[in-house]
Amino acid sequence: MEPMGQSESREGELAKLPPGQRLQRGWPVTHYGPVPKFKPDRWEFRVFGATADGEKHCWTHGEFSALPYSTVMADLHCVTKFSMLDAEWGGVSVLEIMKLAPPAPDVTHVMVWAEYGFSSNLRLSDFMAETTIFATHKDGELLTAEHGFPVRLVVPHLYAWKGPKWVRGVEYMTADRRGFWEERGYHNIGDPWTEQRYSYQEEPGDGPEL
């Protein structure tokens, strides 16, 4: 039998798990394709598409690293059914990027672009949630290459595939379109609390119009 304090702690952790998820103590490495080699002299972060001023905004790695540093305490829920709780994510807030490169008034969605042309689409409301962050650190340590160094997007309230590793930019969009995994059968929204795992579960309005 577990001591009462440990038992209550575990019950509290389990209560934070979305349906169908299991508690994960470590951080498994999950991704599609090879780990890209980071080349700081060639790396840039771009915001483009339907920007408010019609221009593309770019930051070198040094410039991006100099942006205000924020932290959020948040969970990570993988569609493969593991959840990692109470991690500290550090990096650049999405709201900071949006302040520097605001979207046009008619923007409704974004496409987050990563290395090798990988992409993930998000509703603007999900993208600009206060806990969404372009993470460079976890628990005070730089991300490893396998976990997305130099930048990965963390969207704590959605399944983790909505937060790509090795992010290189954001495209503001005035209409939705599916990203890499969404085109391959994953749910267009990806809410873990309602188990929006696969596209066959989509309701009218969940995905782009055909």
C-alpha atoms as a PDB file:
ATOM      1  CA  MET A   1       0.000   0.000   0.000  1.00  0.00           C
ATOM      2  CA  GLU A   2       1.263   3.478  -0.899  1.00  0.00           C
ATOM      3  CA  PRO A   3       1.654   6.067   1.900  1.00  0.00           C
ATOM      4  CA  MET A   4      -1.327   8.403   2.019  1.00  0.00           C
ATOM      5  CA  GLY A   5       0.604  11.409   0.681  1.00  0.00           C
ATOM      6  CA  GLN A   6       1.961   9.505  -2.307  1.00  0.00           C
ATOM      7  CA  SER A   7      -1.436   7.997  -3.031  1.00  0.00           C
ATOM      8  CA  GLU A   8      -3.125  11.412  -2.980  1.00  0.00           C
ATOM      9  CA  SER A   9      -0.381  12.842  -5.182  1.00  0.00           C
ATOM     10  CA  ARG A  10      -0.828  10.090  -7.750  1.00  0.00           C
ATOM     11  CA  GLU A  11      -4.603  10.497  -7.697  1.00  0.00           C
ATOM     12  CA  GLY A  12      -4.124  14.202  -8.366  1.00  0.00           C
ATOM     13  CA  GLU A  13      -1.828  13.463 -11.301  1.00  0.00           C
ATOM     14  CA  LEU A  14      -4.224  10.935 -12.786  1.00  0.00           C
ATOM     15  CA  ALA A  15      -7.045  13.462 -12.513  1.00  0.00           C
ATOM     16  CA  LYS A  16      -5.054  15.751 -14.836  1.00  0.00           C
ATOM     17  CA  LEU A  17      -4.878  13.145 -17.597  1.00  0.00           C
ATOM     18  CA  PRO A  18      -7.181  13.473 -20.610  1.00  0.00           C
ATOM     19  CA  PRO A  19      -9.231  10.383 -21.527  1.00  0.00           C
ATOM     20  CA  GLY A  20      -7.199   7.488 -22.879  1.00  0.00           C
ATOM     21  CA  GLN A  21      -3.837   8.886 -21.712  1.00  0.00           C
ATOM     22  CA  ARG A  22      -1.257   7.301 -19.385  1.00  0.00           C
ATOM     23  CA  LEU A  23       1.200   9.064 -17.115  1.00  0.00           C
ATOM     24  CA  GLN A  24       4.745   9.254 -18.495  1.00  0.00           C
ATOM     25  CA  ARG A  25       7.662   9.972 -16.157  1.00  0.00           C
ATOM     26  CA  GLY A  26      10.330  10.416 -18.829  1.00  0.00           C
ATOM     27  CA  TRP A  27      10.144  12.139 -22.197  1.00  0.00           C
ATOM     28  CA  PRO A  28      10.117   9.686 -25.105  1.00  0.00           C
ATOM     29  CA  VAL A  29      11.515  10.805 -28.442  1.00  0.00           C
ATOM     30  CA  THR A  30       8.838  10.691 -31.134  1.00  0.00           C
ATOM     31  CA  HIS A  31       9.102  12.246 -34.580  1.00  0.00           C
ATOM     32  CA  TYR A  32       8.854  11.514 -38.269  1.00  0.00           C
ATOM     33  CA  GLY A  33      12.036  11.548 -40.348  1.00  0.00           C
ATOM     34  CA  PRO A  34      15.643  12.389 -39.433  1.00  0.00           C
ATOM     35  CA  VAL A  35      16.878  14.907 -36.880  1.00  0.00           C
ATOM     36  CA  PRO A  36      18.000  18.025 -38.799  1.00  0.00           C
ATOM     37  CA  LYS A  37      21.471  19.427 -38.331  1.00  0.00           C
ATOM     38  CA  PHE A  38      21.361  22.910 -36.836  1.00  0.00           C
ATOM     39  CA  LYS A  39      23.312  25.517 -38.837  1.00  0.00           C
ATOM     40  CA  PRO A  40      23.130  28.778 -36.856  1.00  0.00           C
ATOM     41  CA  ASP A  41      24.521  30.943 -39.667  1.00  0.00           C
ATOM     42  CA  ARG A  42      21.724  29.815 -42.003  1.00  0.00           C
ATOM     43  CA  TRP A  43      18.873  29.578 -39.517  1.00  0.00           C
ATOM     44  CA  GLU A  44      16.084  32.150 -39.517  1.00  0.00           C
ATOM     45  CA  PHE A  45      12.595  32.366 -38.083  1.00  0.00           C
ATOM     46  CA  ARG A  46       9.975  33.815 -40.440  1.00  0.00           C
ATOM     47  CA  VAL A  47       6.467  35.179 -40.064  1.00  0.00           C
ATOM     48  CA  PHE A  48       4.785  35.610 -43.431  1.00  0.00           C
ATOM     49  CA  GLY A  49       1.478  35.299 -45.248  1.00  0.00           C
ATOM     50  CA  ALA A  50      -1.354  37.637 -44.267  1.00  0.00           C
ATOM     51  CA  THR A  51       0.620  39.937 -41.982  1.00  0.00           C
ATOM     52  CA  ALA A  52      -0.869  43.276 -40.968  1.00  0.00           C
ATOM     53  CA  ASP A  53       1.706  45.245 -42.965  1.00  0.00           C
ATOM     54  CA  GLY A  54       1.925  42.798 -45.867  1.00  0.00           C
ATOM     55  CA  GLU A  55       5.618  42.190 -45.187  1.00  0.00           C
ATOM     56  CA  LYS A  56       7.621  39.121 -44.199  1.00  0.00           C
ATOM     57  CA  HIS A  57       9.301  39.373 -40.784  1.00  0.00           C
ATOM     58  CA  CYS A  58      12.541  37.493 -40.111  1.00  0.00           C
ATOM     59  CA  TRP A  59      14.864  36.893 -37.155  1.00  0.00           C
ATOM     60  CA  THR A  60      18.303  35.308 -37.177  1.00  0.00           C
ATOM     61  CA  HIS A  61      19.051  32.803 -34.452  1.00  0.00           C
ATOM     62  CA  GLY A  62      20.866  35.473 -32.468  1.00  0.00           C
ATOM     63  CA  GLU A  63      17.966  37.906 -32.832  1.00  0.00           C
ATOM     64  CA  PHE A  64      15.395  35.273 -31.911  1.00  0.00           C
ATOM     65  CA  SER A  65      17.423  34.237 -28.856  1.00  0.00           C
ATOM     66  CA  ALA A  66      17.524  37.892 -27.735  1.00  0.00           C
ATOM     67  CA  LEU A  67      13.719  38.218 -27.644  1.00  0.00           C
ATOM     68  CA  PRO A  68      12.060  38.383 -24.203  1.00  0.00           C
ATOM     69  CA  TYR A  69      12.231  35.031 -22.426  1.00  0.00           C
ATOM     70  CA  SER A  70       9.050  33.602 -20.915  1.00  0.00           C
ATOM     71  CA  THR A  71       8.181  30.425 -19.043  1.00  0.00           C
ATOM     72  CA  VAL A  72       4.969  28.431 -18.687  1.00  0.00           C
ATOM     73  CA  MET A  73       4.191  25.402 -16.546  1.00  0.00           C
ATOM     74  CA  ALA A  74       2.245  23.050 -18.741  1.00  0.00           C
ATOM     75  CA  ASP A  75       1.572  19.451 -19.675  1.00  0.00           C
ATOM     76  CA  LEU A  76       2.300  17.669 -22.931  1.00  0.00           C
ATOM     77  CA  HIS A  77      -0.185  15.132 -24.285  1.00  0.00           C
ATOM     78  CA  CYS A  78       0.976  12.888 -27.121  1.00  0.00           C
ATOM     79  CA  VAL A  79      -1.567  11.266 -29.426  1.00  0.00           C
ATOM     80  CA  THR A  80       0.319   7.980 -28.870  1.00  0.00           C
ATOM     81  CA  LYS A  81      -1.354   8.101 -25.443  1.00  0.00           C
ATOM     82  CA  PHE A  82       1.369   9.260 -23.065  1.00  0.00           C
ATOM     83  CA  SER A  83       1.141  12.480 -21.061  1.00  0.00           C
ATOM     84  CA  MET A  84       4.015  14.323 -19.380  1.00  0.00           C
ATOM     85  CA  LEU A  85       2.798  16.611 -16.602  1.00  0.00           C
ATOM     86  CA  ASP A  86       4.036  19.855 -15.064  1.00  0.00           C
ATOM     87  CA  ALA A  87       7.000  20.664 -17.283  1.00  0.00           C
ATOM     88  CA  GLU A  88       8.480  24.150 -17.326  1.00  0.00           C
ATOM     89  CA  TRP A  89       8.771  25.370 -20.896  1.00  0.00           C
ATOM     90  CA  GLY A  90      10.966  28.379 -21.581  1.00  0.00           C
ATOM     91  CA  GLY A  91      11.296  30.405 -24.735  1.00  0.00           C
ATOM     92  CA  VAL A  92       9.480  33.095 -26.678  1.00  0.00           C
ATOM     93  CA  SER A  93       5.774  33.581 -26.153  1.00  0.00           C
ATOM     94  CA  VAL A  94       3.614  33.380 -29.252  1.00  0.00           C
ATOM     95  CA  LEU A  95       2.006  36.622 -28.101  1.00  0.00           C
ATOM     96  CA  GLU A  96       5.421  38.309 -28.227  1.00  0.00           C
ATOM     97  CA  ILE A  97       5.903  37.220 -31.834  1.00  0.00           C
ATOM     98  CA  MET A  98       2.391  38.395 -32.704  1.00  0.00           C
ATOM     99  CA  LYS A  99       3.120  41.769 -31.139  1.00  0.00           C
ATOM    100  CA  LEU A 100       6.210  42.163 -33.326  1.00  0.00           C
ATOM    101  CA  ALA A 101       4.576  40.731 -36.448  1.00  0.00           C
ATOM    102  CA  PRO A 102       0.805  41.104 -36.074  1.00  0.00           C
ATOM    103  CA  PRO A 103      -1.645  39.302 -38.360  1.00  0.00           C
ATOM    104  CA  ALA A 104      -4.061  41.014 -40.697  1.00  0.00           C
ATOM    105  CA  PRO A 105      -7.586  41.461 -39.290  1.00  0.00           C
ATOM    106  CA  ASP A 106      -9.042  38.645 -41.411  1.00  0.00           C
ATOM    107  CA  VAL A 107      -6.568  35.959 -40.316  1.00  0.00           C
ATOM    108  CA  THR A 108      -8.345  32.917 -38.857  1.00  0.00           C
ATOM    109  CA  HIS A 109      -5.645  30.216 -38.852  1.00  0.00           C
ATOM    110  CA  VAL A 110      -1.910  29.727 -38.969  1.00  0.00           C
ATOM    111  CA  MET A 111       0.359  27.122 -40.502  1.00  0.00           C
ATOM    112  CA  VAL A 112       3.445  26.428 -38.397  1.00  0.00           C
ATOM    113  CA  TRP A 113       6.336  25.387 -40.636  1.00  0.00           C
ATOM    114  CA  ALA A 114       9.298  23.285 -39.539  1.00  0.00           C
ATOM    115  CA  GLU A 115      12.371  21.664 -41.083  1.00  0.00           C
ATOM    116  CA  TYR A 116      11.937  19.422 -44.159  1.00  0.00           C
ATOM    117  CA  GLY A 117       8.662  21.163 -45.027  1.00  0.00           C
ATOM    118  CA  PHE A 118       6.787  19.701 -42.052  1.00  0.00           C
ATOM    119  CA  SER A 119       3.688  21.695 -41.139  1.00  0.00           C
ATOM    120  CA  SER A 120       0.836  21.851 -38.638  1.00  0.00           C
ATOM    121  CA  ASN A 121      -2.268  24.007 -38.892  1.00  0.00           C
ATOM    122  CA  LEU A 122      -3.897  25.732 -35.932  1.00  0.00           C
ATOM    123  CA  ARG A 123      -6.866  27.969 -35.342  1.00  0.00           C
ATOM    124  CA  LEU A 124      -5.673  31.465 -34.501  1.00  0.00           C
ATOM    125  CA  SER A 125      -7.392  31.218 -31.112  1.00  0.00           C
ATOM    126  CA  ASP A 126      -5.375  28.095 -30.241  1.00  0.00           C
ATOM    127  CA  PHE A 127      -2.141  29.592 -31.530  1.00  0.00           C
ATOM    128  CA  MET A 128      -2.486  32.748 -29.455  1.00  0.00           C
ATOM    129  CA  ALA A 129      -3.456  31.052 -26.182  1.00  0.00           C
ATOM    130  CA  GLU A 130      -1.435  32.402 -23.261  1.00  0.00           C
ATOM    131  CA  THR A 131       0.320  29.072 -22.675  1.00  0.00           C
ATOM    132  CA  THR A 132       1.395  28.547 -26.294  1.00  0.00           C
ATOM    133  CA  ILE A 133       5.132  29.089 -26.546  1.00  0.00           C
ATOM    134  CA  PHE A 134       8.030  28.737 -28.957  1.00  0.00           C
ATOM    135  CA  ALA A 135      10.091  26.656 -26.555  1.00  0.00           C
ATOM    136  CA  THR A 136      13.869  26.661 -26.492  1.00  0.00           C
ATOM    137  CA  HIS A 137      14.198  25.134 -23.009  1.00  0.00           C
ATOM    138  CA  LYS A 138      12.535  22.509 -20.835  1.00  0.00           C
ATOM    139  CA  ASP A 139      12.957  22.655 -17.057  1.00  0.00           C
ATOM    140  CA  GLY A 140      15.693  25.237 -17.450  1.00  0.00           C
ATOM    141  CA  GLU A 141      17.789  23.202 -19.896  1.00  0.00           C
ATOM    142  CA  LEU A 142      18.219  23.770 -23.607  1.00  0.00           C
ATOM    143  CA  LEU A 143      16.192  21.373 -25.711  1.00  0.00           C
ATOM    144  CA  THR A 144      18.163  18.514 -27.200  1.00  0.00           C
ATOM    145  CA  ALA A 145      18.257  18.098 -30.958  1.00  0.00           C
ATOM    146  CA  GLU A 146      15.996  15.038 -30.666  1.00  0.00           C
ATOM    147  CA  HIS A 147      13.399  17.082 -28.789  1.00  0.00           C
ATOM    148  CA  GLY A 148      13.369  19.981 -31.220  1.00  0.00           C
ATOM    149  CA  PHE A 149      16.395  22.255 -30.655  1.00  0.00           C
ATOM    150  CA  PRO A 150      16.638  25.123 -31.383  1.00  0.00           C
ATOM    151  CA  VAL A 151      12.861  25.818 -31.298  1.00  0.00           C
ATOM    152  CA  ARG A 152       9.723  23.746 -30.948  1.00  0.00           C
ATOM    153  CA  LEU A 153       6.158  24.936 -30.545  1.00  0.00           C
ATOM    154  CA  VAL A 154       4.325  23.810 -27.408  1.00  0.00           C
ATOM    155  CA  VAL A 155       0.513  24.031 -27.451  1.00  0.00           C
ATOM    156  CA  PRO A 156      -0.361  22.456 -24.094  1.00  0.00           C
ATOM    157  CA  HIS A 157      -4.129  22.249 -24.573  1.00  0.00           C
ATOM    158  CA  LEU A 158      -3.850  20.260 -27.836  1.00  0.00           C
ATOM    159  CA  TYR A 159      -2.184  16.978 -28.750  1.00  0.00           C
ATOM    160  CA  ALA A 160       1.558  17.380 -29.138  1.00  0.00           C
ATOM    161  CA  TRP A 161       1.681  16.855 -32.914  1.00  0.00           C
ATOM    162  CA  LYS A 162       0.139  20.325 -33.143  1.00  0.00           C
ATOM    163  CA  GLY A 163       3.428  21.654 -31.739  1.00  0.00           C
ATOM    164  CA  PRO A 164       6.128  20.758 -34.279  1.00  0.00           C
ATOM    165  CA  LYS A 165       9.803  20.367 -33.485  1.00  0.00           C
ATOM    166  CA  TRP A 166      12.473  22.358 -35.347  1.00  0.00           C
ATOM    167  CA  VAL A 167      10.129  25.240 -36.133  1.00  0.00           C
ATOM    168  CA  ARG A 168      11.255  27.727 -38.769  1.00  0.00           C
ATOM    169  CA  GLY A 169       8.257  29.979 -39.214  1.00  0.00           C
ATOM    170  CA  VAL A 170       4.590  30.826 -39.112  1.00  0.00           C
ATOM    171  CA  GLU A 171       2.250  31.540 -42.010  1.00  0.00           C
ATOM    172  CA  TYR A 172      -0.812  33.646 -41.248  1.00  0.00           C
ATOM    173  CA  MET A 173      -3.837  32.369 -43.197  1.00  0.00           C
ATOM    174  CA  THR A 174      -7.302  33.746 -43.941  1.00  0.00           C
ATOM    175  CA  ALA A 175      -8.706  30.228 -44.413  1.00  0.00           C
ATOM    176  CA  ASP A 176      -7.848  26.844 -42.946  1.00  0.00           C
ATOM    177  CA  ARG A 177      -5.903  24.110 -44.687  1.00  0.00           C
ATOM    178  CA  ARG A 178      -4.520  20.858 -43.345  1.00  0.00           C
ATOM    179  CA  GLY A 179      -0.929  20.348 -42.263  1.00  0.00           C
ATOM    180  CA  PHE A 180       1.307  17.289 -42.596  1.00  0.00           C
ATOM    181  CA  TRP A 181      -0.389  14.910 -40.153  1.00  0.00           C
ATOM    182  CA  GLU A 182      -3.833  16.372 -40.756  1.00  0.00           C
ATOM    183  CA  GLU A 183      -3.508  15.394 -44.428  1.00  0.00           C
ATOM    184  CA  ARG A 184      -2.632  11.866 -43.289  1.00  0.00           C
ATOM    185  CA  GLY A 185      -5.689  11.180 -41.209  1.00  0.00           C
ATOM    186  CA  TYR A 186      -5.197  13.031 -37.941  1.00  0.00           C
ATOM    187  CA  HIS A 187      -7.900  15.283 -36.522  1.00  0.00           C
ATOM    188  CA  ASN A 188      -7.842  18.861 -37.739  1.00  0.00           C
ATOM    189  CA  ILE A 189      -8.176  20.353 -34.239  1.00  0.00           C
ATOM    190  CA  GLY A 190      -6.631  17.779 -31.873  1.00  0.00           C
ATOM    191  CA  ASP A 191      -8.272  18.416 -28.496  1.00  0.00           C
ATOM    192  CA  PRO A 192      -7.085  15.669 -26.088  1.00  0.00           C
ATOM    193  CA  TRP A 193      -9.962  16.208 -23.659  1.00  0.00           C
ATOM    194  CA  THR A 194     -12.467  15.111 -26.279  1.00  0.00           C
ATOM    195  CA  GLU A 195     -10.029  12.599 -27.846  1.00  0.00           C
ATOM    196  CA  GLN A 196      -9.936  14.276 -31.235  1.00  0.00           C
ATOM    197  CA  ARG A 197      -7.312  11.896 -32.586  1.00  0.00           C
ATOM    198  CA  TYR A 198      -8.376  11.069 -36.142  1.00  0.00           C
ATOM    199  CA  SER A 199     -10.077  12.824 -39.036  1.00  0.00           C
ATOM    200  CA  TYR A 200     -12.993  10.362 -39.148  1.00  0.00           C
ATOM    201  CA  GLN A 201     -14.058  11.823 -35.789  1.00  0.00           C
ATOM    202  CA  GLU A 202     -14.443  15.330 -37.199  1.00  0.00           C
ATOM    203  CA  GLU A 203     -17.753  17.097 -36.976  1.00  0.00           C
ATOM    204  CA  PRO A 204     -18.987  19.665 -39.517  1.00  0.00           C
ATOM    205  CA  GLY A 205     -16.903  22.792 -39.093  1.00  0.00           C
ATOM    206  CA  ASP A 206     -13.897  21.023 -37.573  1.00  0.00           C
ATOM    207  CA  GLY A 207     -11.942  20.948 -40.821  1.00  0.00           C
ATOM    208  CA  PRO A 208     -11.406  23.048 -43.954  1.00  0.00           C
ATOM    209  CA  GLU A 209     -14.226  23.208 -46.442  1.00  0.00           C
ATOM    210  CA  LEU A 210     -13.649  20.991 -49.451  1.00  0.00           C
END
